[in-house]
Amino acid sequence: MTIDIQIARVLRARTNASNLVNVVEALHLPAAEFQTAFDVALEMENRNLAKLLYSNVNSVKVVIEFTLLADSYAPG
């Protein structure tokens, strides 16, 4: 799965109730693939789509907050 597809999945996981999302849950990854979720979060931060707020391998969380730029992002 390409990084753009993963980013698109995370963007679709956004809800009206919150601007925060756990990337691990959004990508439906097992705990063993924590690094993949972390890499996606970092790439989103590099593209100014999100800000990495919290990361903890023991609790399997990579929490990001979407930026305003994420509203208009179209991968590809």
Protein backbone atom coordinates (compact mmCIF):
# COMPACT_ATOMS: atom_id res chain seq x y z
CA MET A 1 0.00 0.00 0.00
CA THR A 2 1.47 3.36 -0.99
CA ILE A 3 1.87 6.27 1.40
CA ASP A 4 -0.75 8.31 -0.49
CA ILE A 5 -3.32 5.55 -0.06
CA GLN A 6 -2.52 5.32 3.65
CA ILE A 7 -2.82 9.09 4.04
CA ALA A 8 -6.16 9.07 2.22
CA ARG A 9 -7.42 6.37 4.63
CA VAL A 10 -6.37 8.42 7.64
CA LEU A 11 -8.05 11.51 6.21
CA ARG A 12 -11.29 9.56 5.72
CA ALA A 13 -11.14 8.47 9.39
CA ARG A 14 -11.72 12.06 10.47
CA THR A 15 -15.04 12.75 12.17
CA ASN A 16 -17.09 15.89 12.67
CA ALA A 17 -16.82 15.42 16.44
CA SER A 18 -13.03 15.64 16.61
CA ASN A 19 -10.00 16.79 14.67
CA LEU A 20 -7.91 14.06 16.34
CA VAL A 21 -7.33 10.53 15.14
CA ASN A 22 -5.24 7.53 16.16
CA VAL A 23 -3.41 6.54 12.96
CA VAL A 24 -3.02 2.92 14.14
CA GLU A 25 -6.81 2.58 14.44
CA ALA A 26 -7.50 4.51 11.23
CA LEU A 27 -5.30 2.12 9.24
CA HIS A 28 -6.53 -0.96 11.15
CA LEU A 29 -2.96 -2.02 11.87
CA PRO A 30 -1.87 -4.62 14.41
CA ALA A 31 0.44 -3.51 17.22
CA ALA A 32 3.40 -5.10 15.42
CA GLU A 33 3.03 -2.49 12.64
CA PHE A 34 3.26 0.52 14.95
CA GLN A 35 6.23 1.89 12.96
CA THR A 36 4.12 2.01 9.79
CA ALA A 37 1.54 4.19 11.52
CA PHE A 38 4.27 6.40 12.92
CA ASP A 39 5.83 6.80 9.44
CA VAL A 40 2.45 7.78 7.96
CA ALA A 41 1.94 10.35 10.72
CA LEU A 42 5.39 11.83 10.09
CA GLU A 43 4.74 12.04 6.35
CA MET A 44 1.44 13.78 7.02
CA GLU A 45 3.27 16.23 9.26
CA ASN A 46 5.90 16.81 6.54
CA ARG A 47 3.09 17.60 4.09
CA ASN A 48 1.50 19.96 6.65
CA LEU A 49 -1.65 17.85 6.79
CA ALA A 50 -1.39 17.01 10.48
CA LYS A 51 0.53 17.64 13.65
CA LEU A 52 1.83 14.63 15.56
CA LEU A 53 0.56 15.11 19.11
CA TYR A 54 1.26 11.87 20.91
CA SER A 55 2.96 8.58 20.23
CA ASN A 56 3.33 5.59 22.53
CA VAL A 57 4.36 2.13 21.37
CA ASN A 58 3.16 0.44 24.58
CA SER A 59 -0.39 1.76 24.26
CA VAL A 60 -0.25 1.45 20.44
CA LYS A 61 -1.21 5.07 19.78
CA VAL A 62 -0.06 7.57 17.19
CA VAL A 63 -2.40 10.53 17.67
CA ILE A 64 -2.47 13.37 15.16
CA GLU A 65 -4.46 16.56 14.81
CA PHE A 66 -5.47 17.58 11.31
CA THR A 67 -4.47 20.98 9.95
CA LEU A 68 -6.67 23.19 7.79
CA LEU A 69 -4.67 22.09 4.75
CA ALA A 70 -5.99 18.54 5.27
CA ASP A 71 -9.45 19.78 4.23
CA SER A 72 -8.31 20.41 0.68
CA TYR A 73 -5.80 17.57 0.26
CA ALA A 74 -6.26 15.30 -2.73
CA PRO A 75 -3.59 12.59 -3.01
CA GLY A 76 -1.75 12.03 -6.25
